[in-house]
Amino acid sequence: MTRHIPSRTTRLGAALLTAALLSSTALTAQAETPPNMLVIAQRIDDIKTIDPAESFEFSGADISRNVYEPLVDFDPLDLDAGYQPKLAASWEVSEDGTQITFAMADGHVFASGNPVTAKDAEFSLRRAVLLNKTPSFILTQFGFTPENVEETIVAPDDKTLVLKLDKAYAVSFVLNCLTATIGGIVDMKTVMEHEQDGDMGNAWLRDNTAGSGPYKLAAWKPNESYTLDLNPEFTGDAPAMKRVIVQHIQESATQRLQLERGDVDIARNLSPEDVAGLETVDTVKVVDELRGRLMYWSANQKNEILSNPKVIEAMKYATDYQGMQDSFLKGQYITHQAFLPKTFMGAIDDTPYSLDLEKAKALLTEAGYPDGFEVTIGVREAQDRIDIGQSLQNTWGQIGIKAELVVGTGAQTLDTYRARQHQISLEAWGPDYPDPNTNAGTFAYNPDNSDEAGATGLLAWRNAWALPEMSEETLAAVVEQDSAKRAKMYEDLQREFLKTAPFAIMFQQIEQNAMQTGVEHFVAGGATTAVSYWAVTK
């Protein structure tokens, strides 16, 4: 295990930490939260927008899943069953596999009282392509473009939606993609009533909602909280929780304190130490859930030093995976170095890198940097991220790499990363849909490496990594109809990635959610989706 030395660290969001600590001293004791209200302590400073066509952050996905309904969706209490009908009652695929025709289900109503129709689905999917925001690649990978959406995403009537794909894909791949946040269907009439300068309601939907899900957004204060209230027009089974309040609590100790006092029902970001400290608290339980979230660092290939493969290899061997797993990450992350999480088709368990400072130093010398160099690491203001960053500082420092942590809010670090302005970025990534292409198509695909491409949804692009051959291999895998062959293609792709990528995937998350013992059916989303508040009882 390594010793963590907090050397040079720049804190962009220190005021948030101070505010959280001060607020914790002002808390007053409560017996319990109301029986029909769910109160959660969670870090939510990554939320940038609630528009499903633009939202691409972990916490934003939690909101969207509970506010919007997609054409197909997952049952939170049976995630293994795969996608199920939702706004679409059924679908048919053409003989050549290039066209999917959806029949809309009856009875779904938006919070406005407007009925959900195929025209709303047409508008929502077209809108996502036309706006061309970060997650748009999830749809455009099927050949949809701003120029052709009027011919390729078509609702000939209120009950029918037709998707015309550019080639035959595995149907499960297409349907799984439609379960992503970007697949949420919005109320066309309400959204367009709030259009500004041709933005298709994008500015309004940043902090308002227009969905048909079990909840609607009642309030959102960035970096403070959001509140969801029951959608009175929801036609499914009424959730037991009539209101959901999620409070941004940065510090694990403060989350634990609020949980123990009964001020919150669930604490979602507890450190291993605070989880262990709850073992003797009879009123609280801890639920472990394997997530698809990966923790990694990546290197911007615009940087001359970091574009040297020997440098990247040296840094991978100077990363203390096991030491971190066994100390401050204990019980919450397991070492995992491939880009597909466990449980996914084609996932592998290969871990070719381990801490070897002698080998790392030799590689750095071979690369032409025997005395090392200076580098910055962008880190989100969260204790586990800071601890990982400090571990990297320590072990990299032992081979001559002097690393400075640049700490900011989730939104700040993401903005820098998506603008390709980082050197090293310490990040987490979760799958958008339960198909291997969800990660292959972002870690190992970058068809246009130019700044003008603006492919912010692709991690390879964010790191300016041009990989034409791997991009072609990724495209080939996504259209392979034989499942066994397709799985083998992803296995090979990951092993090639491990050798050459300017990424060091380190861990897969085991999420530990601590909650009052009376809380039942809280499912964080497994490896493939987000939380479903509507299933919770207490």
Protein backbone atom coordinates (compact mmCIF):
# COMPACT_ATOMS: atom_id res chain seq x y z
CA MET A 1 0.00 0.00 0.00
CA THR A 2 1.30 3.44 -0.88
CA ARG A 3 1.59 6.50 1.33
CA HIS A 4 -0.46 9.41 -0.03
CA ILE A 5 1.32 12.73 -0.20
CA PRO A 6 -0.92 15.73 -0.94
CA SER A 7 1.63 17.81 -2.86
CA ARG A 8 0.54 20.61 -5.17
CA THR A 9 -3.24 20.83 -5.39
CA THR A 10 -5.39 23.58 -6.93
CA ARG A 11 -8.97 23.67 -5.63
CA LEU A 12 -11.41 25.32 -7.99
CA GLY A 13 -14.43 24.53 -5.82
CA ALA A 14 -13.19 24.90 -2.25
CA ALA A 15 -16.12 27.16 -1.44
CA LEU A 16 -18.50 24.25 -1.94
CA LEU A 17 -16.61 22.14 0.59
CA THR A 18 -16.67 24.98 3.11
CA ALA A 19 -20.39 25.51 2.61
CA ALA A 20 -21.12 21.81 3.08
CA LEU A 21 -19.11 21.69 6.30
CA LEU A 22 -20.75 24.82 7.68
CA SER A 23 -24.21 23.57 6.83
CA SER A 24 -23.57 20.32 8.68
CA THR A 25 -23.17 22.23 11.96
CA ALA A 26 -26.56 23.85 11.56
CA LEU A 27 -28.54 20.62 11.15
CA THR A 28 -31.26 19.97 13.70
CA ALA A 29 -32.32 16.49 14.79
CA GLN A 30 -35.36 14.87 13.22
CA ALA A 31 -37.17 11.71 14.22
CA GLU A 32 -37.72 10.54 10.66
CA THR A 33 -38.72 11.69 7.19
CA PRO A 34 -42.41 11.60 6.17
CA PRO A 35 -43.62 8.11 5.14
CA ASN A 36 -44.47 9.16 1.58
CA MET A 37 -41.29 11.21 0.98
CA LEU A 38 -37.84 9.92 0.01
CA VAL A 39 -34.90 12.10 1.07
CA ILE A 40 -31.44 11.32 -0.29
CA ALA A 41 -27.98 12.69 0.44
CA GLN A 42 -25.83 12.54 -2.69
CA ARG A 43 -23.17 14.40 -4.63
CA ILE A 44 -25.02 15.95 -7.59
CA ASP A 45 -22.63 18.72 -8.65
CA ASP A 46 -22.19 17.09 -12.06
CA ILE A 47 -25.68 18.03 -13.28
CA LYS A 48 -25.46 20.54 -16.13
CA THR A 49 -28.91 20.21 -17.69
CA ILE A 50 -32.05 18.08 -17.40
CA ASP A 51 -32.83 18.11 -21.13
CA PRO A 52 -32.73 14.41 -22.16
CA ALA A 53 -31.27 15.41 -25.52
CA GLU A 54 -28.28 16.98 -23.77
CA SER A 55 -27.96 15.42 -20.31
CA PHE A 56 -24.93 13.12 -20.15
CA GLU A 57 -23.96 13.02 -16.48
CA PHE A 58 -24.59 10.39 -13.82
CA SER A 59 -26.88 12.44 -11.57
CA GLY A 60 -28.82 13.86 -14.49
CA ALA A 61 -29.62 10.32 -15.64
CA ASP A 62 -31.30 9.66 -12.28
CA ILE A 63 -33.67 12.56 -12.91
CA SER A 64 -34.42 11.65 -16.51
CA ARG A 65 -35.19 8.02 -15.71
CA ASN A 66 -37.92 9.10 -13.30
CA VAL A 67 -39.36 11.94 -15.35
CA TYR A 68 -39.29 10.64 -18.92
CA GLU A 69 -40.44 7.40 -20.49
CA PRO A 70 -38.65 5.87 -23.50
CA LEU A 71 -40.07 3.57 -26.16
CA VAL A 72 -38.59 0.57 -24.34
CA ASP A 73 -37.33 0.37 -20.76
CA PHE A 74 -36.11 -1.89 -17.93
CA ASP A 75 -38.00 -3.22 -14.94
CA PRO A 76 -35.92 -2.03 -11.95
CA LEU A 77 -36.87 -5.12 -9.96
CA ASP A 78 -35.86 -7.49 -12.78
CA LEU A 79 -33.00 -5.88 -14.70
CA ASP A 80 -31.86 -9.26 -16.02
CA ALA A 81 -35.06 -9.53 -18.05
CA GLY A 82 -33.74 -6.91 -20.49
CA TYR A 83 -35.73 -4.24 -22.27
CA GLN A 84 -39.52 -4.31 -22.11
CA PRO A 85 -42.27 -2.38 -23.92
CA LYS A 86 -42.92 1.07 -22.50
CA LEU A 87 -44.30 3.85 -24.70
CA ALA A 88 -44.09 1.37 -27.57
CA ALA A 89 -46.42 -1.61 -27.12
CA SER A 90 -44.69 -3.65 -29.84
CA TRP A 91 -42.37 -3.44 -32.84
CA GLU A 92 -41.71 -5.16 -36.14
CA VAL A 93 -38.46 -5.42 -38.11
CA SER A 94 -38.31 -5.43 -41.90
CA GLU A 95 -36.90 -8.47 -43.69
CA ASP A 96 -33.67 -6.69 -44.56
CA GLY A 97 -33.25 -5.51 -40.94
CA THR A 98 -33.03 -1.81 -41.80
CA GLN A 99 -36.45 -0.65 -40.64
CA ILE A 100 -38.16 -0.92 -37.25
CA THR A 101 -41.82 -0.02 -36.94
CA PHE A 102 -43.16 0.74 -33.44
CA ALA A 103 -46.82 0.60 -32.41
CA MET A 104 -47.41 3.10 -29.61
CA ALA A 105 -49.05 1.94 -26.39
CA ASP A 106 -52.37 3.41 -25.31
CA GLY A 107 -52.99 5.51 -22.22
CA HIS A 108 -49.70 7.34 -21.63
CA VAL A 109 -50.12 11.03 -20.76
CA PHE A 110 -47.62 13.85 -20.26
CA ALA A 111 -47.60 15.89 -17.06
CA SER A 112 -49.28 18.68 -19.06
CA GLY A 113 -52.29 16.44 -19.74
CA ASN A 114 -51.36 16.02 -23.41
CA PRO A 115 -51.53 12.41 -24.66
CA VAL A 116 -48.28 10.76 -25.74
CA THR A 117 -48.31 10.08 -29.48
CA ALA A 118 -45.94 8.82 -32.13
CA LYS A 119 -45.58 12.43 -33.24
CA ASP A 120 -44.02 13.22 -29.85
CA ALA A 121 -41.60 10.32 -30.29
CA GLU A 122 -40.75 11.49 -33.80
CA PHE A 123 -40.14 15.03 -32.51
CA SER A 124 -38.04 13.87 -29.55
CA LEU A 125 -35.66 11.65 -31.54
CA ARG A 126 -35.37 14.12 -34.42
CA ARG A 127 -34.76 16.90 -31.91
CA ALA A 128 -31.91 14.98 -30.27
CA VAL A 129 -30.20 14.54 -33.64
CA LEU A 130 -30.79 18.15 -34.72
CA LEU A 131 -29.52 19.65 -31.45
CA ASN A 132 -26.35 17.55 -31.81
CA LYS A 133 -25.47 17.70 -28.13
CA THR A 134 -22.97 15.42 -26.37
CA PRO A 135 -25.07 12.20 -26.31
CA SER A 136 -26.35 12.54 -29.88
CA PHE A 137 -23.91 9.89 -31.12
CA ILE A 138 -26.10 7.24 -29.47
CA LEU A 139 -28.65 7.93 -32.22
CA THR A 140 -26.48 9.19 -35.07
CA GLN A 141 -24.51 5.92 -35.08
CA PHE A 142 -27.53 4.44 -36.90
CA GLY A 143 -27.13 6.87 -39.78
CA PHE A 144 -29.52 9.58 -38.58
CA THR A 145 -28.29 13.06 -39.49
CA PRO A 146 -29.78 16.58 -39.32
CA GLU A 147 -30.13 16.40 -43.08
CA ASN A 148 -32.09 13.13 -43.24
CA VAL A 149 -34.15 12.89 -40.04
CA GLU A 150 -37.33 13.95 -41.79
CA GLU A 151 -37.05 10.86 -43.98
CA THR A 152 -35.49 8.40 -41.49
CA ILE A 153 -37.45 9.10 -38.27
CA VAL A 154 -41.08 9.20 -39.34
CA ALA A 155 -44.47 9.01 -37.61
CA PRO A 156 -47.05 8.50 -40.39
CA ASP A 157 -49.81 8.75 -37.77
CA ASP A 158 -50.26 9.18 -34.01
CA LYS A 159 -49.89 5.46 -33.32
CA THR A 160 -46.93 4.50 -35.51
CA LEU A 161 -43.24 5.39 -35.50
CA VAL A 162 -40.80 4.17 -38.16
CA LEU A 163 -37.01 4.20 -37.79
CA LYS A 164 -35.08 3.72 -41.05
CA LEU A 165 -31.51 2.63 -40.27
CA ASP A 166 -28.51 2.99 -42.57
CA LYS A 167 -27.75 -0.77 -42.31
CA ALA A 168 -28.93 -3.91 -40.56
CA TYR A 169 -27.94 -3.90 -36.90
CA ALA A 170 -28.73 -6.43 -34.22
CA VAL A 171 -32.24 -5.42 -33.13
CA SER A 172 -31.26 -5.77 -29.46
CA PHE A 173 -28.49 -3.21 -30.04
CA VAL A 174 -30.93 -0.64 -31.43
CA LEU A 175 -33.53 -1.20 -28.72
CA ASN A 176 -30.94 -1.10 -25.95
CA CYS A 177 -29.76 2.29 -27.25
CA LEU A 178 -33.32 3.61 -27.01
CA THR A 179 -33.29 2.91 -23.26
CA ALA A 180 -30.57 5.56 -22.81
CA THR A 181 -31.40 9.00 -21.39
CA ILE A 182 -31.49 10.47 -24.89
CA GLY A 183 -34.38 8.09 -25.68
CA GLY A 184 -36.71 9.89 -23.26
CA ILE A 185 -39.79 11.18 -25.08
CA VAL A 186 -40.74 14.82 -24.47
CA ASP A 187 -44.06 16.64 -24.86
CA MET A 188 -43.71 18.29 -28.27
CA LYS A 189 -46.45 20.88 -27.74
CA THR A 190 -45.22 22.02 -24.34
CA VAL A 191 -41.56 22.11 -25.35
CA MET A 192 -42.18 24.12 -28.51
CA GLU A 193 -44.26 26.63 -26.55
CA HIS A 194 -40.98 27.48 -24.83
CA GLU A 195 -38.74 27.58 -27.90
CA GLN A 196 -36.24 30.45 -27.98
CA ASP A 197 -34.44 31.47 -31.16
CA GLY A 198 -34.90 28.07 -32.78
CA ASP A 199 -33.44 26.07 -29.84
CA MET A 200 -36.36 23.59 -29.79
CA GLY A 201 -36.90 24.31 -26.10
CA ASN A 202 -33.33 23.45 -25.08
CA ALA A 203 -32.88 26.45 -22.76
CA TRP A 204 -36.23 25.85 -21.06
CA LEU A 205 -35.63 22.12 -20.62
CA ARG A 206 -32.36 22.84 -18.88
CA ASP A 207 -34.30 23.26 -15.62
CA ASN A 208 -37.84 22.19 -16.50
CA THR A 209 -39.33 18.86 -17.53
CA ALA A 210 -42.02 17.77 -19.98
CA GLY A 211 -42.30 14.03 -19.60
CA SER A 212 -44.81 11.26 -18.98
CA GLY A 213 -42.88 9.44 -16.24
CA PRO A 214 -44.03 8.90 -12.66
CA TYR A 215 -42.48 12.18 -11.49
CA LYS A 216 -42.05 15.74 -12.67
CA LEU A 217 -39.37 18.23 -11.67
CA ALA A 218 -40.59 20.58 -8.94
CA ALA A 219 -37.30 22.39 -8.25
CA TRP A 220 -33.61 22.28 -9.07
CA LYS A 221 -30.95 24.44 -7.48
CA PRO A 222 -27.56 23.63 -9.05
CA ASN A 223 -25.07 22.26 -6.52
CA GLU A 224 -27.77 22.31 -3.82
CA SER A 225 -30.74 20.01 -4.42
CA TYR A 226 -33.51 18.86 -6.69
CA THR A 227 -37.09 17.89 -5.90
CA LEU A 228 -39.36 15.56 -7.85
CA ASP A 229 -43.11 15.51 -7.26
CA LEU A 230 -45.61 12.90 -8.37
CA ASN A 231 -46.85 13.41 -11.92
CA PRO A 232 -50.64 13.61 -11.43
CA GLU A 233 -51.18 12.46 -15.01
CA PHE A 234 -49.03 9.31 -14.70
CA THR A 235 -51.08 6.33 -15.84
CA GLY A 236 -49.01 3.54 -14.27
CA ASP A 237 -49.10 2.32 -10.69
CA ALA A 238 -48.78 5.29 -8.36
CA PRO A 239 -45.38 5.38 -6.60
CA ALA A 240 -45.38 5.09 -2.83
CA MET A 241 -43.04 8.07 -2.62
CA LYS A 242 -45.04 11.17 -3.54
CA ARG A 243 -42.01 13.43 -3.32
CA VAL A 244 -38.27 12.78 -3.78
CA ILE A 245 -35.72 15.27 -2.47
CA VAL A 246 -32.05 14.83 -3.33
CA GLN A 247 -29.67 17.09 -1.41
CA HIS A 248 -26.15 17.82 -2.57
CA ILE A 249 -23.99 16.78 0.38
CA GLN A 250 -20.33 16.72 -0.57
CA GLU A 251 -18.80 15.17 2.54
CA SER A 252 -19.21 11.49 3.42
CA ALA A 253 -19.14 12.28 7.15
CA THR A 254 -22.01 14.72 6.77
CA GLN A 255 -24.06 12.22 4.75
CA ARG A 256 -23.49 9.62 7.46
CA LEU A 257 -24.48 12.04 10.22
CA GLN A 258 -27.73 12.92 8.46
CA LEU A 259 -28.51 9.24 7.91
CA GLU A 260 -27.88 8.28 11.53
CA ARG A 261 -30.06 11.15 12.77
CA GLY A 262 -32.91 10.21 10.44
CA ASP A 263 -32.70 13.41 8.41
CA VAL A 264 -32.27 11.41 5.19
CA ASP A 265 -33.46 7.98 4.08
CA ILE A 266 -30.46 7.13 1.91
CA ALA A 267 -26.81 8.19 1.77
CA ARG A 268 -25.19 7.41 -1.59
CA ASN A 269 -21.57 8.56 -1.30
CA LEU A 270 -20.18 7.14 1.93
CA SER A 271 -16.49 6.32 2.26
CA PRO A 272 -15.49 2.77 3.26
CA GLU A 273 -14.68 4.12 6.72
CA ASP A 274 -18.14 5.60 7.17
CA VAL A 275 -19.77 2.43 5.82
CA ALA A 276 -17.82 0.42 8.38
CA GLY A 277 -18.88 2.86 11.08
CA LEU A 278 -22.53 1.99 10.45
CA GLU A 279 -22.11 -1.71 11.25
CA THR A 280 -23.38 -1.21 14.81
CA VAL A 281 -26.26 1.11 13.89
CA ASP A 282 -29.44 -0.99 14.11
CA THR A 283 -31.61 1.47 12.20
CA VAL A 284 -29.43 1.45 9.07
CA LYS A 285 -28.53 -1.13 6.43
CA VAL A 286 -26.01 -1.10 3.58
CA VAL A 287 -26.86 -2.52 0.15
CA ASP A 288 -24.02 -3.45 -2.24
CA GLU A 289 -24.67 -3.27 -5.98
CA LEU A 290 -22.23 -4.00 -8.81
CA ARG A 291 -22.39 -1.07 -11.19
CA GLY A 292 -21.08 -0.66 -14.71
CA ARG A 293 -19.17 2.46 -13.69
CA LEU A 294 -15.43 2.43 -14.42
CA MET A 295 -12.78 4.67 -12.87
CA TYR A 296 -9.89 5.62 -15.17
CA TRP A 297 -7.29 8.21 -16.02
CA SER A 298 -6.62 9.34 -19.56
CA ALA A 299 -3.93 11.39 -21.29
CA ASN A 300 -4.52 14.12 -23.86
CA GLN A 301 -2.65 13.18 -27.02
CA LYS A 302 -2.27 16.83 -27.95
CA ASN A 303 0.46 16.93 -25.33
CA GLU A 304 3.79 15.93 -26.88
CA ILE A 305 5.06 14.09 -23.82
CA LEU A 306 1.81 12.25 -23.19
CA SER A 307 1.57 11.15 -26.82
CA ASN A 308 4.66 8.99 -26.32
CA PRO A 309 3.48 5.34 -25.89
CA LYS A 310 6.39 4.52 -23.59
CA VAL A 311 5.41 7.37 -21.27
CA ILE A 312 1.83 6.08 -21.06
CA GLU A 313 3.06 2.54 -20.42
CA ALA A 314 5.37 3.81 -17.68
CA MET A 315 2.50 5.66 -16.00
CA LYS A 316 0.33 2.53 -16.11
CA TYR A 317 3.05 0.53 -14.35
CA ALA A 318 3.45 3.35 -11.83
CA THR A 319 -0.23 3.12 -10.78
CA ASP A 320 -0.93 1.27 -7.53
CA TYR A 321 -4.16 -0.54 -8.42
CA GLN A 322 -4.03 -3.12 -5.64
CA GLY A 323 -2.90 -0.67 -2.98
CA MET A 324 -5.84 1.63 -3.67
CA GLN A 325 -8.32 -1.24 -3.86
CA ASP A 326 -7.19 -2.61 -0.50
CA SER A 327 -7.11 0.72 1.36
CA PHE A 328 -9.31 3.77 0.80
CA LEU A 329 -11.41 2.09 -1.93
CA LYS A 330 -11.96 -1.13 0.02
CA GLY A 331 -15.36 -2.68 -0.62
CA GLN A 332 -16.37 -0.04 -3.18
CA TYR A 333 -14.12 -0.68 -6.19
CA ILE A 334 -12.46 -3.77 -7.62
CA THR A 335 -9.47 -3.71 -9.95
CA HIS A 336 -10.66 -3.89 -13.55
CA GLN A 337 -8.60 -2.78 -16.57
CA ALA A 338 -10.72 -3.55 -19.65
CA PHE A 339 -13.24 -1.09 -21.08
CA LEU A 340 -16.22 -3.46 -20.79
CA PRO A 341 -17.52 -3.91 -17.25
CA LYS A 342 -18.13 -7.32 -15.76
CA THR A 343 -21.52 -8.80 -16.83
CA PHE A 344 -21.32 -7.33 -20.38
CA MET A 345 -21.07 -9.47 -23.50
CA GLY A 346 -17.38 -9.83 -24.37
CA ALA A 347 -16.09 -8.62 -20.99
CA ILE A 348 -12.60 -9.87 -20.07
CA ASP A 349 -10.75 -10.09 -16.76
CA ASP A 350 -7.25 -9.31 -18.07
CA THR A 351 -5.18 -7.15 -15.69
CA PRO A 352 -1.76 -6.83 -17.39
CA TYR A 353 -0.65 -3.83 -15.31
CA SER A 354 0.40 -3.76 -11.66
CA LEU A 355 2.66 -1.48 -9.64
CA ASP A 356 6.25 -1.98 -10.87
CA LEU A 357 8.27 1.18 -10.27
CA GLU A 358 11.52 -0.27 -11.59
CA LYS A 359 9.90 -1.19 -14.90
CA ALA A 360 8.10 2.15 -15.03
CA LYS A 361 11.34 4.06 -14.47
CA ALA A 362 13.07 2.08 -17.23
CA LEU A 363 10.23 2.80 -19.66
CA LEU A 364 10.36 6.51 -18.83
CA THR A 365 14.10 6.56 -19.47
CA GLU A 366 13.59 4.69 -22.74
CA ALA A 367 11.01 7.32 -23.72
CA GLY A 368 13.62 10.03 -23.27
CA TYR A 369 12.50 11.43 -19.92
CA PRO A 370 14.88 9.94 -17.34
CA ASP A 371 14.29 12.87 -14.99
CA GLY A 372 10.53 12.85 -15.47
CA PHE A 373 8.32 15.85 -16.26
CA GLU A 374 5.48 17.97 -14.84
CA VAL A 375 1.80 17.26 -15.49
CA THR A 376 -1.62 18.31 -14.21
CA ILE A 377 -4.46 15.94 -13.28
CA GLY A 378 -8.05 17.17 -13.46
CA VAL A 379 -9.98 15.74 -10.51
CA ARG A 380 -13.60 16.06 -9.43
CA GLU A 381 -14.08 17.41 -5.92
CA ALA A 382 -15.00 14.07 -4.31
CA GLN A 383 -12.97 12.32 -1.66
CA ASP A 384 -12.47 9.04 -3.52
CA ARG A 385 -11.29 10.91 -6.63
CA ILE A 386 -8.93 13.09 -4.59
CA ASP A 387 -7.54 10.02 -2.82
CA ILE A 388 -6.90 8.32 -6.17
CA GLY A 389 -5.27 11.50 -7.48
CA GLN A 390 -2.99 11.68 -4.46
CA SER A 391 -2.00 8.04 -4.92
CA LEU A 392 -1.05 8.82 -8.52
CA GLN A 393 0.93 11.84 -7.32
CA ASN A 394 2.85 9.60 -4.94
CA THR A 395 3.71 6.69 -7.22
CA TRP A 396 4.27 8.81 -10.33
CA GLY A 397 6.46 11.08 -8.23
CA GLN A 398 8.67 8.09 -7.41
CA ILE A 399 9.60 7.83 -11.10
CA GLY A 400 10.09 11.59 -11.52
CA ILE A 401 6.64 12.69 -12.73
CA LYS A 402 5.57 15.74 -10.72
CA ALA A 403 1.76 15.84 -10.78
CA GLU A 404 -0.47 18.71 -9.69
CA LEU A 405 -4.12 18.02 -8.89
CA VAL A 406 -6.54 20.57 -10.33
CA VAL A 407 -9.70 19.99 -8.31
CA GLY A 408 -13.10 21.29 -9.37
CA THR A 409 -16.79 20.48 -9.33
CA GLY A 410 -18.09 17.71 -11.54
CA ALA A 411 -19.35 20.26 -14.06
CA GLN A 412 -16.04 22.16 -14.11
CA THR A 413 -13.87 19.11 -14.68
CA LEU A 414 -16.22 17.78 -17.37
CA ASP A 415 -16.17 21.10 -19.23
CA THR A 416 -12.36 21.06 -19.33
CA TYR A 417 -12.26 17.41 -20.38
CA ARG A 418 -14.85 17.78 -23.14
CA ALA A 419 -12.99 20.81 -24.49
CA ARG A 420 -9.76 18.74 -24.78
CA GLN A 421 -7.99 21.26 -22.54
CA HIS A 422 -6.76 18.79 -19.91
CA GLN A 423 -3.43 17.00 -19.63
CA ILE A 424 -4.43 14.04 -17.47
CA SER A 425 -8.07 13.65 -16.46
CA LEU A 426 -9.25 11.33 -13.68
CA GLU A 427 -12.76 10.30 -14.62
CA ALA A 428 -15.59 7.81 -14.17
CA TRP A 429 -17.58 6.36 -17.06
CA GLY A 430 -20.80 4.37 -17.01
CA PRO A 431 -22.55 2.58 -19.88
CA ASP A 432 -25.48 4.32 -21.54
CA TYR A 433 -27.18 1.09 -22.61
CA PRO A 434 -26.58 -2.66 -22.03
CA ASP A 435 -24.68 -3.49 -25.19
CA PRO A 436 -20.86 -3.74 -25.54
CA ASN A 437 -20.86 -0.97 -28.12
CA THR A 438 -21.86 1.48 -25.38
CA ASN A 439 -18.22 1.47 -24.24
CA ALA A 440 -16.44 0.25 -27.38
CA GLY A 441 -18.10 3.05 -29.31
CA THR A 442 -16.63 5.70 -27.04
CA PHE A 443 -13.31 4.30 -25.77
CA ALA A 444 -12.24 2.70 -29.08
CA TYR A 445 -13.93 4.77 -31.79
CA ASN A 446 -12.97 8.17 -33.18
CA PRO A 447 -13.66 8.57 -36.91
CA ASP A 448 -12.72 12.27 -37.00
CA ASN A 449 -10.03 13.52 -34.63
CA SER A 450 -10.27 17.17 -35.66
CA ASP A 451 -11.27 19.84 -33.16
CA GLU A 452 -14.09 20.77 -35.53
CA ALA A 453 -15.67 17.32 -35.12
CA GLY A 454 -16.70 18.27 -31.58
CA ALA A 455 -17.41 14.62 -30.74
CA THR A 456 -17.60 15.29 -27.00
CA GLY A 457 -19.45 12.03 -26.36
CA LEU A 458 -16.46 9.98 -27.53
CA LEU A 459 -13.72 9.52 -24.94
CA ALA A 460 -11.15 8.75 -27.65
CA TRP A 461 -11.94 12.13 -29.25
CA ARG A 462 -11.77 13.95 -25.90
CA ASN A 463 -8.20 12.67 -25.57
CA ALA A 464 -7.33 13.46 -29.22
CA TRP A 465 -6.55 9.79 -29.86
CA ALA A 466 -6.66 8.93 -33.55
CA LEU A 467 -7.27 5.19 -33.97
CA PRO A 468 -8.49 4.45 -37.53
CA GLU A 469 -7.98 0.68 -37.41
CA MET A 470 -9.68 0.21 -34.06
CA SER A 471 -12.52 2.45 -35.19
CA GLU A 472 -13.08 0.14 -38.17
CA GLU A 473 -12.97 -2.90 -35.88
CA THR A 474 -15.55 -1.27 -33.62
CA LEU A 475 -17.84 -0.65 -36.59
CA ALA A 476 -17.45 -4.25 -37.74
CA ALA A 477 -18.36 -5.61 -34.31
CA VAL A 478 -21.58 -3.64 -34.07
CA VAL A 479 -23.11 -5.24 -37.18
CA GLU A 480 -22.00 -8.83 -36.49
CA GLN A 481 -25.13 -10.96 -36.16
CA ASP A 482 -23.45 -14.05 -34.65
CA SER A 483 -23.32 -13.46 -30.87
CA ALA A 484 -20.32 -15.72 -30.24
CA LYS A 485 -18.30 -14.08 -33.02
CA ARG A 486 -19.34 -10.64 -31.83
CA ALA A 487 -18.24 -11.38 -28.26
CA LYS A 488 -14.84 -12.57 -29.54
CA MET A 489 -14.44 -9.36 -31.54
CA TYR A 490 -14.91 -7.31 -28.37
CA GLU A 491 -12.48 -9.49 -26.46
CA ASP A 492 -9.82 -8.89 -29.13
CA LEU A 493 -10.61 -5.19 -29.26
CA GLN A 494 -10.13 -4.80 -25.51
CA ARG A 495 -6.78 -6.60 -25.54
CA GLU A 496 -5.54 -4.32 -28.31
CA PHE A 497 -6.85 -1.33 -26.35
CA LEU A 498 -5.00 -2.44 -23.21
CA LYS A 499 -1.70 -2.42 -25.09
CA THR A 500 -2.03 0.88 -26.94
CA ALA A 501 -4.63 3.20 -25.40
CA PRO A 502 -3.77 6.47 -23.62
CA PHE A 503 -6.25 5.31 -20.98
CA ALA A 504 -5.62 3.40 -17.77
CA ILE A 505 -8.88 1.87 -16.66
CA MET A 506 -8.36 0.99 -13.01
CA PHE A 507 -11.55 -0.03 -11.23
CA GLN A 508 -15.18 -1.11 -11.53
CA GLN A 509 -17.55 0.20 -8.90
CA ILE A 510 -19.44 -1.68 -6.23
CA GLU A 511 -21.90 0.96 -5.07
CA GLN A 512 -22.65 0.87 -1.35
CA ASN A 513 -25.88 2.66 -0.55
CA ALA A 514 -26.65 3.09 3.12
CA MET A 515 -30.32 3.50 4.03
CA GLN A 516 -32.84 3.30 6.80
CA THR A 517 -33.84 -0.31 7.44
CA GLY A 518 -37.43 0.36 6.35
CA VAL A 519 -36.42 1.42 2.84
CA GLU A 520 -37.09 -1.33 0.29
CA HIS A 521 -36.63 -1.77 -3.47
CA PHE A 522 -33.99 0.93 -3.87
CA VAL A 523 -32.09 -0.21 -6.97
CA ALA A 524 -29.28 2.07 -8.07
CA GLY A 525 -29.56 0.73 -11.62
CA GLY A 526 -27.20 -2.22 -11.79
CA ALA A 527 -24.59 -2.17 -14.53
CA THR A 528 -26.85 -0.71 -17.18
CA THR A 529 -29.22 2.03 -16.04
CA ALA A 530 -30.06 4.65 -13.38
CA VAL A 531 -32.08 4.68 -10.17
CA SER A 532 -35.86 4.15 -10.19
CA TYR A 533 -37.44 6.15 -7.38
CA TRP A 534 -40.90 4.95 -8.30
CA ALA A 535 -40.11 1.42 -7.10
CA VAL A 536 -39.08 2.48 -3.59
CA THR A 537 -41.20 1.84 -0.52
CA LYS A 538 -40.54 2.43 3.16
